[in-house]
Amino acid sequence: MIQLEGVDSNMIANNITPFYVTHPGEVLKDEVEYRGISQRSLADQIGMSYKALNEILNERRPVTIETAMLFEAALGISAKTLLNLQMEYNMSQMSHNKTFLDRLSSIRKIAAVL
């Protein structure tokens, strides 16, 4: 990557790290509330327990491929978009996990001598 004088490398368009990563449950909860759909009726419509749906909407459970496709069918929100949000969220969480980062560092040191 070319370093431009006086330009912060974090501000280059394809190198921006978001300050706040969105869990897909936040997007889904906003949409459900905006449409005035009850969580219980949505859970019934897509064949999911109320508890599982509530945990997704409150960012305590991840969106899986299956649930993303169910939400796409019921709400018209792209499953791919929801899964991309989930992946970014998961990666952000791991990038702040010191134990995991230490493990990666160890692996990189071993790999560097191979």
PDB file of N, CA and C in Angstrom:
ATOM      1  N   MET A   1       0.841  -1.170   0.000  1.00  0.00           N
ATOM      2  CA  MET A   1       0.000   0.000   0.000  1.00  0.00           C
ATOM      3  C   MET A   1       0.888   1.236   0.000  1.00  0.00           C
ATOM      4  N   ILE A   2       0.510   2.215  -0.744  1.00  0.00           N
ATOM      5  CA  ILE A   2       1.240   3.478  -0.819  1.00  0.00           C
ATOM      6  C   ILE A   2       0.834   4.345   0.359  1.00  0.00           C
ATOM      7  N   GLN A   3       1.835   4.884   1.052  1.00  0.00           N
ATOM      8  CA  GLN A   3       1.547   5.795   2.166  1.00  0.00           C
ATOM      9  C   GLN A   3       1.642   7.216   1.649  1.00  0.00           C
ATOM     10  N   LEU A   4       0.540   7.931   1.694  1.00  0.00           N
ATOM     11  CA  LEU A   4       0.504   9.313   1.259  1.00  0.00           C
ATOM     12  C   LEU A   4       0.906  10.217   2.407  1.00  0.00           C
ATOM     13  N   GLU A   5       1.751  11.176   2.116  1.00  0.00           N
ATOM     14  CA  GLU A   5       2.216  12.087   3.150  1.00  0.00           C
ATOM     15  C   GLU A   5       1.042  12.878   3.718  1.00  0.00           C
ATOM     16  N   GLY A   6       0.953  12.888   5.042  1.00  0.00           N
ATOM     17  CA  GLY A   6      -0.081  13.659   5.720  1.00  0.00           C
ATOM     18  C   GLY A   6      -1.450  13.010   5.731  1.00  0.00           C
ATOM     19  N   VAL A   7      -1.569  11.763   5.213  1.00  0.00           N
ATOM     20  CA  VAL A   7      -2.860  11.082   5.178  1.00  0.00           C
ATOM     21  C   VAL A   7      -2.818   9.907   6.147  1.00  0.00           C
ATOM     22  N   ASP A   8      -3.731   9.890   7.074  1.00  0.00           N
ATOM     23  CA  ASP A   8      -3.837   8.783   8.017  1.00  0.00           C
ATOM     24  C   ASP A   8      -4.266   7.537   7.244  1.00  0.00           C
ATOM     25  N   SER A   9      -3.488   6.444   7.357  1.00  0.00           N
ATOM     26  CA  SER A   9      -3.796   5.223   6.606  1.00  0.00           C
ATOM     27  C   SER A   9      -5.146   4.632   6.984  1.00  0.00           C
ATOM     28  N   ASN A  10      -5.673   4.960   8.166  1.00  0.00           N
ATOM     29  CA  ASN A  10      -6.998   4.475   8.556  1.00  0.00           C
ATOM     30  C   ASN A  10      -8.117   5.219   7.845  1.00  0.00           C
ATOM     31  N   MET A  11      -7.799   6.292   7.152  1.00  0.00           N
ATOM     32  CA  MET A  11      -8.823   7.088   6.488  1.00  0.00           C
ATOM     33  C   MET A  11      -8.925   6.788   4.999  1.00  0.00           C
ATOM     34  N   ILE A  12      -8.100   5.911   4.477  1.00  0.00           N
ATOM     35  CA  ILE A  12      -8.184   5.544   3.071  1.00  0.00           C
ATOM     36  C   ILE A  12      -9.418   4.658   2.901  1.00  0.00           C
ATOM     37  N   ALA A  13     -10.217   4.910   1.890  1.00  0.00           N
ATOM     38  CA  ALA A  13     -11.544   4.305   1.729  1.00  0.00           C
ATOM     39  C   ALA A  13     -11.568   2.791   1.896  1.00  0.00           C
ATOM     40  N   ASN A  14     -10.631   2.080   1.332  1.00  0.00           N
ATOM     41  CA  ASN A  14     -10.683   0.628   1.422  1.00  0.00           C
ATOM     42  C   ASN A  14      -9.942   0.096   2.646  1.00  0.00           C
ATOM     43  N   ASN A  15      -9.539   0.976   3.542  1.00  0.00           N
ATOM     44  CA  ASN A  15      -8.783   0.578   4.722  1.00  0.00           C
ATOM     45  C   ASN A  15      -9.429   1.121   5.999  1.00  0.00           C
ATOM     46  N   ILE A  16     -10.707   1.395   5.941  1.00  0.00           N
ATOM     47  CA  ILE A  16     -11.386   1.984   7.096  1.00  0.00           C
ATOM     48  C   ILE A  16     -11.892   0.872   8.012  1.00  0.00           C
ATOM     49  N   THR A  17     -11.568   0.980   9.273  1.00  0.00           N
ATOM     50  CA  THR A  17     -12.092   0.066  10.267  1.00  0.00           C
ATOM     51  C   THR A  17     -13.246   0.777  10.959  1.00  0.00           C
ATOM     52  N   PRO A  18     -14.452   0.189  10.901  1.00  0.00           N
ATOM     53  CA  PRO A  18     -15.586   0.866  11.516  1.00  0.00           C
ATOM     54  C   PRO A  18     -15.404   1.005  13.022  1.00  0.00           C
ATOM     55  N   PHE A  19     -15.832   2.121  13.560  1.00  0.00           N
ATOM     56  CA  PHE A  19     -15.759   2.369  14.992  1.00  0.00           C
ATOM     57  C   PHE A  19     -16.742   1.465  15.722  1.00  0.00           C
ATOM     58  N   TYR A  20     -17.889   1.239  15.102  1.00  0.00           N
ATOM     59  CA  TYR A  20     -18.969   0.482  15.719  1.00  0.00           C
ATOM     60  C   TYR A  20     -19.452  -0.553  14.718  1.00  0.00           C
ATOM     61  N   VAL A  21     -19.320  -1.816  15.051  1.00  0.00           N
ATOM     62  CA  VAL A  21     -19.760  -2.885  14.171  1.00  0.00           C
ATOM     63  C   VAL A  21     -21.172  -3.297  14.581  1.00  0.00           C
ATOM     64  N   THR A  22     -22.048  -3.417  13.610  1.00  0.00           N
ATOM     65  CA  THR A  22     -23.460  -3.689  13.866  1.00  0.00           C
ATOM     66  C   THR A  22     -23.758  -5.177  13.865  1.00  0.00           C
ATOM     67  N   HIS A  23     -24.379  -5.636  14.930  1.00  0.00           N
ATOM     68  CA  HIS A  23     -24.884  -7.011  14.980  1.00  0.00           C
ATOM     69  C   HIS A  23     -26.146  -7.030  14.114  1.00  0.00           C
ATOM     70  N   PRO A  24     -26.359  -8.086  13.314  1.00  0.00           N
ATOM     71  CA  PRO A  24     -27.553  -8.108  12.464  1.00  0.00           C
ATOM     72  C   PRO A  24     -28.862  -8.057  13.252  1.00  0.00           C
ATOM     73  N   GLY A  25     -28.829  -8.493  14.494  1.00  0.00           N
ATOM     74  CA  GLY A  25     -30.028  -8.416  15.330  1.00  0.00           C
ATOM     75  C   GLY A  25     -30.507  -6.993  15.520  1.00  0.00           C
ATOM     76  N   GLU A  26     -29.567  -6.052  15.564  1.00  0.00           N
ATOM     77  CA  GLU A  26     -29.937  -4.642  15.705  1.00  0.00           C
ATOM     78  C   GLU A  26     -30.731  -4.171  14.492  1.00  0.00           C
ATOM     79  N   VAL A  27     -30.288  -4.557  13.313  1.00  0.00           N
ATOM     80  CA  VAL A  27     -30.979  -4.187  12.071  1.00  0.00           C
ATOM     81  C   VAL A  27     -32.361  -4.837  12.036  1.00  0.00           C
ATOM     82  N   LEU A  28     -32.401  -6.110  12.383  1.00  0.00           N
ATOM     83  CA  LEU A  28     -33.672  -6.832  12.371  1.00  0.00           C
ATOM     84  C   LEU A  28     -34.652  -6.254  13.382  1.00  0.00           C
ATOM     85  N   LYS A  29     -34.174  -5.940  14.580  1.00  0.00           N
ATOM     86  CA  LYS A  29     -35.046  -5.379  15.618  1.00  0.00           C
ATOM     87  C   LYS A  29     -35.622  -4.041  15.169  1.00  0.00           C
ATOM     88  N   ASP A  30     -34.771  -3.190  14.583  1.00  0.00           N
ATOM     89  CA  ASP A  30     -35.253  -1.904  14.075  1.00  0.00           C
ATOM     90  C   ASP A  30     -36.335  -2.109  13.026  1.00  0.00           C
ATOM     91  N   GLU A  31     -36.122  -3.059  12.135  1.00  0.00           N
ATOM     92  CA  GLU A  31     -37.087  -3.318  11.063  1.00  0.00           C
ATOM     93  C   GLU A  31     -38.405  -3.851  11.616  1.00  0.00           C
ATOM     94  N   VAL A  32     -38.330  -4.772  12.545  1.00  0.00           N
ATOM     95  CA  VAL A  32     -39.534  -5.354  13.153  1.00  0.00           C
ATOM     96  C   VAL A  32     -40.323  -4.266  13.888  1.00  0.00           C
ATOM     97  N   GLU A  33     -39.616  -3.425  14.633  1.00  0.00           N
ATOM     98  CA  GLU A  33     -40.292  -2.338  15.351  1.00  0.00           C
ATOM     99  C   GLU A  33     -40.886  -1.323  14.382  1.00  0.00           C
ATOM    100  N   TYR A  34     -40.146  -0.984  13.328  1.00  0.00           N
ATOM    101  CA  TYR A  34     -40.636  -0.013  12.341  1.00  0.00           C
ATOM    102  C   TYR A  34     -41.920  -0.515  11.679  1.00  0.00           C
ATOM    103  N   ARG A  35     -41.964  -1.809  11.383  1.00  0.00           N
ATOM    104  CA  ARG A  35     -43.138  -2.382  10.721  1.00  0.00           C
ATOM    105  C   ARG A  35     -44.281  -2.680  11.693  1.00  0.00           C
ATOM    106  N   GLY A  36     -44.022  -2.570  12.971  1.00  0.00           N
ATOM    107  CA  GLY A  36     -45.055  -2.841  13.971  1.00  0.00           C
ATOM    108  C   GLY A  36     -45.411  -4.306  14.087  1.00  0.00           C
ATOM    109  N   ILE A  37     -44.446  -5.162  13.811  1.00  0.00           N
ATOM    110  CA  ILE A  37     -44.664  -6.610  13.896  1.00  0.00           C
ATOM    111  C   ILE A  37     -44.291  -7.053  15.311  1.00  0.00           C
ATOM    112  N   SER A  38     -45.118  -7.863  15.920  1.00  0.00           N
ATOM    113  CA  SER A  38     -44.753  -8.373  17.252  1.00  0.00           C
ATOM    114  C   SER A  38     -43.729  -9.492  17.082  1.00  0.00           C
ATOM    115  N   GLN A  39     -42.840  -9.575  18.041  1.00  0.00           N
ATOM    116  CA  GLN A  39     -41.817 -10.632  17.988  1.00  0.00           C
ATOM    117  C   GLN A  39     -42.485 -12.006  18.012  1.00  0.00           C
ATOM    118  N   ARG A  40     -43.552 -12.126  18.782  1.00  0.00           N
ATOM    119  CA  ARG A  40     -44.235 -13.418  18.881  1.00  0.00           C
ATOM    120  C   ARG A  40     -44.845 -13.837  17.534  1.00  0.00           C
ATOM    121  N   SER A  41     -45.459 -12.885  16.838  1.00  0.00           N
ATOM    122  CA  SER A  41     -46.065 -13.247  15.547  1.00  0.00           C
ATOM    123  C   SER A  41     -44.990 -13.553  14.501  1.00  0.00           C
ATOM    124  N   LEU A  42     -43.870 -12.822  14.539  1.00  0.00           N
ATOM    125  CA  LEU A  42     -42.780 -13.119  13.607  1.00  0.00           C
ATOM    126  C   LEU A  42     -42.192 -14.490  13.904  1.00  0.00           C
ATOM    127  N   ALA A  43     -41.998 -14.790  15.174  1.00  0.00           N
ATOM    128  CA  ALA A  43     -41.467 -16.099  15.562  1.00  0.00           C
ATOM    129  C   ALA A  43     -42.386 -17.211  15.053  1.00  0.00           C
ATOM    130  N   ASP A  44     -43.682 -17.033  15.230  1.00  0.00           N
ATOM    131  CA  ASP A  44     -44.645 -18.031  14.742  1.00  0.00           C
ATOM    132  C   ASP A  44     -44.586 -18.154  13.227  1.00  0.00           C
ATOM    133  N   GLN A  45     -44.504 -17.020  12.538  1.00  0.00           N
ATOM    134  CA  GLN A  45     -44.491 -17.015  11.073  1.00  0.00           C
ATOM    135  C   GLN A  45     -43.300 -17.773  10.513  1.00  0.00           C
ATOM    136  N   ILE A  46     -42.140 -17.626  11.137  1.00  0.00           N
ATOM    137  CA  ILE A  46     -40.944 -18.266  10.582  1.00  0.00           C
ATOM    138  C   ILE A  46     -40.615 -19.596  11.260  1.00  0.00           C
ATOM    139  N   GLY A  47     -41.450 -20.009  12.216  1.00  0.00           N
ATOM    140  CA  GLY A  47     -41.248 -21.303  12.861  1.00  0.00           C
ATOM    141  C   GLY A  47     -40.061 -21.335  13.802  1.00  0.00           C
ATOM    142  N   MET A  48     -39.887 -20.262  14.542  1.00  0.00           N
ATOM    143  CA  MET A  48     -38.780 -20.151  15.490  1.00  0.00           C
ATOM    144  C   MET A  48     -39.379 -19.876  16.868  1.00  0.00           C
ATOM    145  N   SER A  49     -38.717 -20.331  17.895  1.00  0.00           N
ATOM    146  CA  SER A  49     -39.227 -20.031  19.234  1.00  0.00           C
ATOM    147  C   SER A  49     -39.088 -18.535  19.500  1.00  0.00           C
ATOM    148  N   TYR A  50     -40.005 -18.029  20.315  1.00  0.00           N
ATOM    149  CA  TYR A  50     -39.958 -16.612  20.683  1.00  0.00           C
ATOM    150  C   TYR A  50     -38.623 -16.291  21.354  1.00  0.00           C
ATOM    151  N   LYS A  51     -38.174 -17.195  22.234  1.00  0.00           N
ATOM    152  CA  LYS A  51     -36.927 -16.979  22.976  1.00  0.00           C
ATOM    153  C   LYS A  51     -35.741 -16.837  22.025  1.00  0.00           C
ATOM    154  N   ALA A  52     -35.642 -17.726  21.030  1.00  0.00           N
ATOM    155  CA  ALA A  52     -34.527 -17.673  20.074  1.00  0.00           C
ATOM    156  C   ALA A  52     -34.571 -16.371  19.275  1.00  0.00           C
ATOM    157  N   LEU A  53     -35.753 -15.986  18.811  1.00  0.00           N
ATOM    158  CA  LEU A  53     -35.891 -14.739  18.053  1.00  0.00           C
ATOM    159  C   LEU A  53     -35.493 -13.548  18.916  1.00  0.00           C
ATOM    160  N   ASN A  54     -35.988 -13.515  20.141  1.00  0.00           N
ATOM    161  CA  ASN A  54     -35.679 -12.411  21.048  1.00  0.00           C
ATOM    162  C   ASN A  54     -34.173 -12.324  21.311  1.00  0.00           C
ATOM    163  N   GLU A  55     -33.507 -13.457  21.445  1.00  0.00           N
ATOM    164  CA  GLU A  55     -32.061 -13.462  21.674  1.00  0.00           C
ATOM    165  C   GLU A  55     -31.300 -12.919  20.464  1.00  0.00           C
ATOM    166  N   ILE A  56     -31.778 -13.217  19.260  1.00  0.00           N
ATOM    167  CA  ILE A  56     -31.143 -12.656  18.053  1.00  0.00           C
ATOM    168  C   ILE A  56     -31.359 -11.152  18.025  1.00  0.00           C
ATOM    169  N   LEU A  57     -32.593 -10.719  18.225  1.00  0.00           N
ATOM    170  CA  LEU A  57     -32.909  -9.295  18.146  1.00  0.00           C
ATOM    171  C   LEU A  57     -32.206  -8.482  19.231  1.00  0.00           C
ATOM    172  N   ASN A  58     -31.874  -9.125  20.342  1.00  0.00           N
ATOM    173  CA  ASN A  58     -31.176  -8.446  21.426  1.00  0.00           C
ATOM    174  C   ASN A  58     -29.684  -8.761  21.444  1.00  0.00           C
ATOM    175  N   GLU A  59     -29.193  -9.259  20.311  1.00  0.00           N
ATOM    176  CA  GLU A  59     -27.758  -9.442  20.054  1.00  0.00           C
ATOM    177  C   GLU A  59     -27.081 -10.425  20.998  1.00  0.00           C
ATOM    178  N   ARG A  60     -27.842 -11.406  21.477  1.00  0.00           N
ATOM    179  CA  ARG A  60     -27.273 -12.428  22.354  1.00  0.00           C
ATOM    180  C   ARG A  60     -27.104 -13.765  21.640  1.00  0.00           C
ATOM    181  N   ARG A  61     -27.541 -13.834  20.387  1.00  0.00           N
ATOM    182  CA  ARG A  61     -27.445 -15.064  19.595  1.00  0.00           C
ATOM    183  C   ARG A  61     -27.095 -14.652  18.175  1.00  0.00           C
ATOM    184  N   PRO A  62     -26.244 -15.417  17.494  1.00  0.00           N
ATOM    185  CA  PRO A  62     -25.873 -15.045  16.123  1.00  0.00           C
ATOM    186  C   PRO A  62     -26.957 -15.405  15.106  1.00  0.00           C
ATOM    187  N   VAL A  63     -26.907 -14.721  13.992  1.00  0.00           N
ATOM    188  CA  VAL A  63     -27.744 -15.077  12.844  1.00  0.00           C
ATOM    189  C   VAL A  63     -26.990 -16.162  12.081  1.00  0.00           C
ATOM    190  N   THR A  64     -27.659 -17.277  11.845  1.00  0.00           N
ATOM    191  CA  THR A  64     -27.070 -18.383  11.086  1.00  0.00           C
ATOM    192  C   THR A  64     -27.557 -18.303   9.639  1.00  0.00           C
ATOM    193  N   ILE A  65     -27.027 -19.149   8.797  1.00  0.00           N
ATOM    194  CA  ILE A  65     -27.485 -19.190   7.396  1.00  0.00           C
ATOM    195  C   ILE A  65     -28.993 -19.468   7.366  1.00  0.00           C
ATOM    196  N   GLU A  66     -29.418 -20.434   8.155  1.00  0.00           N
ATOM    197  CA  GLU A  66     -30.842 -20.792   8.180  1.00  0.00           C
ATOM    198  C   GLU A  66     -31.710 -19.624   8.638  1.00  0.00           C
ATOM    199  N   THR A  67     -31.333 -18.989   9.742  1.00  0.00           N
ATOM    200  CA  THR A  67     -32.168 -17.896  10.239  1.00  0.00           C
ATOM    201  C   THR A  67     -32.124 -16.702   9.295  1.00  0.00           C
ATOM    202  N   ALA A  68     -30.968 -16.458   8.676  1.00  0.00           N
ATOM    203  CA  ALA A  68     -30.875 -15.355   7.709  1.00  0.00           C
ATOM    204  C   ALA A  68     -31.842 -15.585   6.547  1.00  0.00           C
ATOM    205  N   MET A  69     -31.930 -16.824   6.092  1.00  0.00           N
ATOM    206  CA  MET A  69     -32.838 -17.135   4.978  1.00  0.00           C
ATOM    207  C   MET A  69     -34.298 -17.025   5.413  1.00  0.00           C
ATOM    208  N   LEU A  70     -34.586 -17.376   6.665  1.00  0.00           N
ATOM    209  CA  LEU A  70     -35.950 -17.224   7.182  1.00  0.00           C
ATOM    210  C   LEU A  70     -36.330 -15.744   7.259  1.00  0.00           C
ATOM    211  N   PHE A  71     -35.407 -14.915   7.752  1.00  0.00           N
ATOM    212  CA  PHE A  71     -35.670 -13.474   7.827  1.00  0.00           C
ATOM    213  C   PHE A  71     -35.835 -12.878   6.432  1.00  0.00           C
ATOM    214  N   GLU A  72     -35.036 -13.342   5.487  1.00  0.00           N
ATOM    215  CA  GLU A  72     -35.166 -12.840   4.115  1.00  0.00           C
ATOM    216  C   GLU A  72     -36.558 -13.152   3.564  1.00  0.00           C
ATOM    217  N   ALA A  73     -37.033 -14.376   3.801  1.00  0.00           N
ATOM    218  CA  ALA A  73     -38.358 -14.768   3.314  1.00  0.00           C
ATOM    219  C   ALA A  73     -39.461 -13.940   3.971  1.00  0.00           C
ATOM    220  N   ALA A  74     -39.321 -13.691   5.269  1.00  0.00           N
ATOM    221  CA  ALA A  74     -40.385 -12.992   6.006  1.00  0.00           C
ATOM    222  C   ALA A  74     -40.318 -11.482   5.873  1.00  0.00           C
ATOM    223  N   LEU A  75     -39.104 -10.917   5.828  1.00  0.00           N
ATOM    224  CA  LEU A  75     -38.962  -9.460   5.884  1.00  0.00           C
ATOM    225  C   LEU A  75     -38.382  -8.840   4.610  1.00  0.00           C
ATOM    226  N   GLY A  76     -37.856  -9.689   3.732  1.00  0.00           N
ATOM    227  CA  GLY A  76     -37.275  -9.167   2.494  1.00  0.00           C
ATOM    228  C   GLY A  76     -35.888  -8.555   2.669  1.00  0.00           C
ATOM    229  N   ILE A  77     -35.269  -8.802   3.816  1.00  0.00           N
ATOM    230  CA  ILE A  77     -33.909  -8.307   4.041  1.00  0.00           C
ATOM    231  C   ILE A  77     -32.949  -9.386   3.563  1.00  0.00           C
ATOM    232  N   SER A  78     -32.013  -9.030   2.719  1.00  0.00           N
ATOM    233  CA  SER A  78     -31.096  -9.984   2.114  1.00  0.00           C
ATOM    234  C   SER A  78     -30.373 -10.838   3.148  1.00  0.00           C
ATOM    235  N   ALA A  79     -30.462 -12.156   2.960  1.00  0.00           N
ATOM    236  CA  ALA A  79     -29.752 -13.088   3.841  1.00  0.00           C
ATOM    237  C   ALA A  79     -28.252 -12.836   3.769  1.00  0.00           C
ATOM    238  N   LYS A  80     -27.771 -12.536   2.576  1.00  0.00           N
ATOM    239  CA  LYS A  80     -26.342 -12.284   2.397  1.00  0.00           C
ATOM    240  C   LYS A  80     -25.901 -11.060   3.209  1.00  0.00           C
ATOM    241  N   THR A  81     -26.707 -10.029   3.213  1.00  0.00           N
ATOM    242  CA  THR A  81     -26.390  -8.826   3.988  1.00  0.00           C
ATOM    243  C   THR A  81     -26.350  -9.143   5.477  1.00  0.00           C
ATOM    244  N   LEU A  82     -27.332  -9.896   5.955  1.00  0.00           N
ATOM    245  CA  LEU A  82     -27.363 -10.264   7.375  1.00  0.00           C
ATOM    246  C   LEU A  82     -26.153 -11.108   7.752  1.00  0.00           C
ATOM    247  N   LEU A  83     -25.786 -12.038   6.880  1.00  0.00           N
ATOM    248  CA  LEU A  83     -24.631 -12.896   7.159  1.00  0.00           C
ATOM    249  C   LEU A  83     -23.328 -12.116   7.103  1.00  0.00           C
ATOM    250  N   ASN A  84     -23.230 -11.155   6.192  1.00  0.00           N
ATOM    251  CA  ASN A  84     -22.031 -10.310   6.151  1.00  0.00           C
ATOM    252  C   ASN A  84     -21.914  -9.475   7.427  1.00  0.00           C
ATOM    253  N   LEU A  85     -23.024  -8.937   7.900  1.00  0.00           N
ATOM    254  CA  LEU A  85     -23.018  -8.199   9.164  1.00  0.00           C
ATOM    255  C   LEU A  85     -22.566  -9.100  10.314  1.00  0.00           C
ATOM    256  N   GLN A  86     -23.081 -10.338  10.328  1.00  0.00           N
ATOM    257  CA  GLN A  86     -22.715 -11.276  11.385  1.00  0.00           C
ATOM    258  C   GLN A  86     -21.223 -11.599  11.334  1.00  0.00           C
ATOM    259  N   MET A  87     -20.699 -11.810  10.125  1.00  0.00           N
ATOM    260  CA  MET A  87     -19.272 -12.119   9.980  1.00  0.00           C
ATOM    261  C   MET A  87     -18.415 -10.955  10.476  1.00  0.00           C
ATOM    262  N   GLU A  88     -18.764  -9.743  10.086  1.00  0.00           N
ATOM    263  CA  GLU A  88     -18.010  -8.565  10.529  1.00  0.00           C
ATOM    264  C   GLU A  88     -18.082  -8.412  12.049  1.00  0.00           C
ATOM    265  N   TYR A  89     -19.250  -8.672  12.603  1.00  0.00           N
ATOM    266  CA  TYR A  89     -19.434  -8.586  14.052  1.00  0.00           C
ATOM    267  C   TYR A  89     -18.554  -9.624  14.754  1.00  0.00           C
ATOM    268  N   ASN A  90     -18.594 -10.870  14.252  1.00  0.00           N
ATOM    269  CA  ASN A  90     -17.795 -11.937  14.853  1.00  0.00           C
ATOM    270  C   ASN A  90     -16.306 -11.619  14.783  1.00  0.00           C
ATOM    271  N   MET A  91     -15.854 -11.131  13.640  1.00  0.00           N
ATOM    272  CA  MET A  91     -14.434 -10.811  13.481  1.00  0.00           C
ATOM    273  C   MET A  91     -14.031  -9.671  14.405  1.00  0.00           C
ATOM    274  N   SER A  92     -14.897  -8.703  14.573  1.00  0.00           N
ATOM    275  CA  SER A  92     -14.613  -7.597  15.484  1.00  0.00           C
ATOM    276  C   SER A  92     -14.496  -8.097  16.915  1.00  0.00           C
ATOM    277  N   GLN A  93     -15.412  -8.984  17.310  1.00  0.00           N
ATOM    278  CA  GLN A  93     -15.364  -9.540  18.663  1.00  0.00           C
ATOM    279  C   GLN A  93     -14.051 -10.289  18.890  1.00  0.00           C
ATOM    280  N   MET A  94     -13.632 -11.084  17.916  1.00  0.00           N
ATOM    281  CA  MET A  94     -12.394 -11.853  18.065  1.00  0.00           C
ATOM    282  C   MET A  94     -11.166 -10.954  18.062  1.00  0.00           C
ATOM    283  N   SER A  95     -11.219  -9.858  17.330  1.00  0.00           N
ATOM    284  CA  SER A  95     -10.066  -8.959  17.269  1.00  0.00           C
ATOM    285  C   SER A  95      -9.858  -8.215  18.582  1.00  0.00           C
ATOM    286  N   HIS A  96     -10.799  -8.336  19.506  1.00  0.00           N
ATOM    287  CA  HIS A  96     -10.676  -7.717  20.825  1.00  0.00           C
ATOM    288  C   HIS A  96     -10.494  -8.762  21.929  1.00  0.00           C
ATOM    289  N   ASN A  97     -10.326 -10.014  21.540  1.00  0.00           N
ATOM    290  CA  ASN A  97     -10.175 -11.109  22.497  1.00  0.00           C
ATOM    291  C   ASN A  97      -8.681 -11.366  22.712  1.00  0.00           C
ATOM    292  N   LYS A  98      -8.135 -10.911  23.842  1.00  0.00           N
ATOM    293  CA  LYS A  98      -6.696 -10.984  24.101  1.00  0.00           C
ATOM    294  C   LYS A  98      -6.168 -12.415  24.050  1.00  0.00           C
ATOM    295  N   THR A  99      -6.895 -13.361  24.622  1.00  0.00           N
ATOM    296  CA  THR A  99      -6.454 -14.759  24.615  1.00  0.00           C
ATOM    297  C   THR A  99      -6.301 -15.262  23.186  1.00  0.00           C
ATOM    298  N   PHE A 100      -7.276 -14.957  22.347  1.00  0.00           N
ATOM    299  CA  PHE A 100      -7.220 -15.398  20.956  1.00  0.00           C
ATOM    300  C   PHE A 100      -6.102 -14.686  20.204  1.00  0.00           C
ATOM    301  N   LEU A 101      -5.921 -13.400  20.451  1.00  0.00           N
ATOM    302  CA  LEU A 101      -4.850 -12.648  19.782  1.00  0.00           C
ATOM    303  C   LEU A 101      -3.477 -13.182  20.175  1.00  0.00           C
ATOM    304  N   ASP A 102      -3.311 -13.573  21.429  1.00  0.00           N
ATOM    305  CA  ASP A 102      -2.051 -14.185  21.866  1.00  0.00           C
ATOM    306  C   ASP A 102      -1.819 -15.505  21.144  1.00  0.00           C
ATOM    307  N   ARG A 103      -2.878 -16.273  20.987  1.00  0.00           N
ATOM    308  CA  ARG A 103      -2.782 -17.552  20.275  1.00  0.00           C
ATOM    309  C   ARG A 103      -2.371 -17.329  18.818  1.00  0.00           C
ATOM    310  N   LEU A 104      -2.978 -16.342  18.166  1.00  0.00           N
ATOM    311  CA  LEU A 104      -2.599 -16.023  16.786  1.00  0.00           C
ATOM    312  C   LEU A 104      -1.138 -15.617  16.691  1.00  0.00           C
ATOM    313  N   SER A 105      -0.694 -14.827  17.640  1.00  0.00           N
ATOM    314  CA  SER A 105       0.694 -14.375  17.656  1.00  0.00           C
ATOM    315  C   SER A 105       1.642 -15.562  17.759  1.00  0.00           C
ATOM    316  N   SER A 106       1.326 -16.512  18.614  1.00  0.00           N
ATOM    317  CA  SER A 106       2.153 -17.722  18.756  1.00  0.00           C
ATOM    318  C   SER A 106       2.212 -18.500  17.454  1.00  0.00           C
ATOM    319  N   ILE A 107       1.073 -18.662  16.839  1.00  0.00           N
ATOM    320  CA  ILE A 107       1.012 -19.413  15.571  1.00  0.00           C
ATOM    321  C   ILE A 107       1.834 -18.698  14.509  1.00  0.00           C
ATOM    322  N   ARG A 108       1.729 -17.392  14.430  1.00  0.00           N
ATOM    323  CA  ARG A 108       2.491 -16.642  13.424  1.00  0.00           C
ATOM    324  C   ARG A 108       3.993 -16.777  13.643  1.00  0.00           C
ATOM    325  N   LYS A 109       4.440 -16.793  14.909  1.00  0.00           N
ATOM    326  CA  LYS A 109       5.864 -16.955  15.201  1.00  0.00           C
ATOM    327  C   LYS A 109       6.356 -18.322  14.741  1.00  0.00           C
ATOM    328  N   ILE A 110       5.551 -19.356  14.975  1.00  0.00           N
ATOM    329  CA  ILE A 110       5.923 -20.709  14.537  1.00  0.00           C
ATOM    330  C   ILE A 110       5.941 -20.782  13.018  1.00  0.00           C
ATOM    331  N   ALA A 111       4.934 -20.212  12.386  1.00  0.00           N
ATOM    332  CA  ALA A 111       4.823 -20.253  10.920  1.00  0.00           C
ATOM    333  C   ALA A 111       5.962 -19.483  10.256  1.00  0.00           C
ATOM    334  N   ALA A 112       6.461 -18.453  10.913  1.00  0.00           N
ATOM    335  CA  ALA A 112       7.523 -17.623  10.330  1.00  0.00           C
ATOM    336  C   ALA A 112       8.832 -18.398  10.189  1.00  0.00           C
ATOM    337  N   VAL A 113       9.053 -19.400  11.006  1.00  0.00           N
ATOM    338  CA  VAL A 113      10.295 -20.166  10.916  1.00  0.00           C
ATOM    339  C   VAL A 113      10.165 -21.409  10.036  1.00  0.00           C
ATOM    340  N   LEU A 114       8.981 -21.691   9.581  1.00  0.00           N
ATOM    341  CA  LEU A 114       8.765 -22.868   8.708  1.00  0.00           C
ATOM    342  C   LEU A 114       9.220 -22.599   7.303  1.00  0.00           C
TER     343      LEU A 114
END
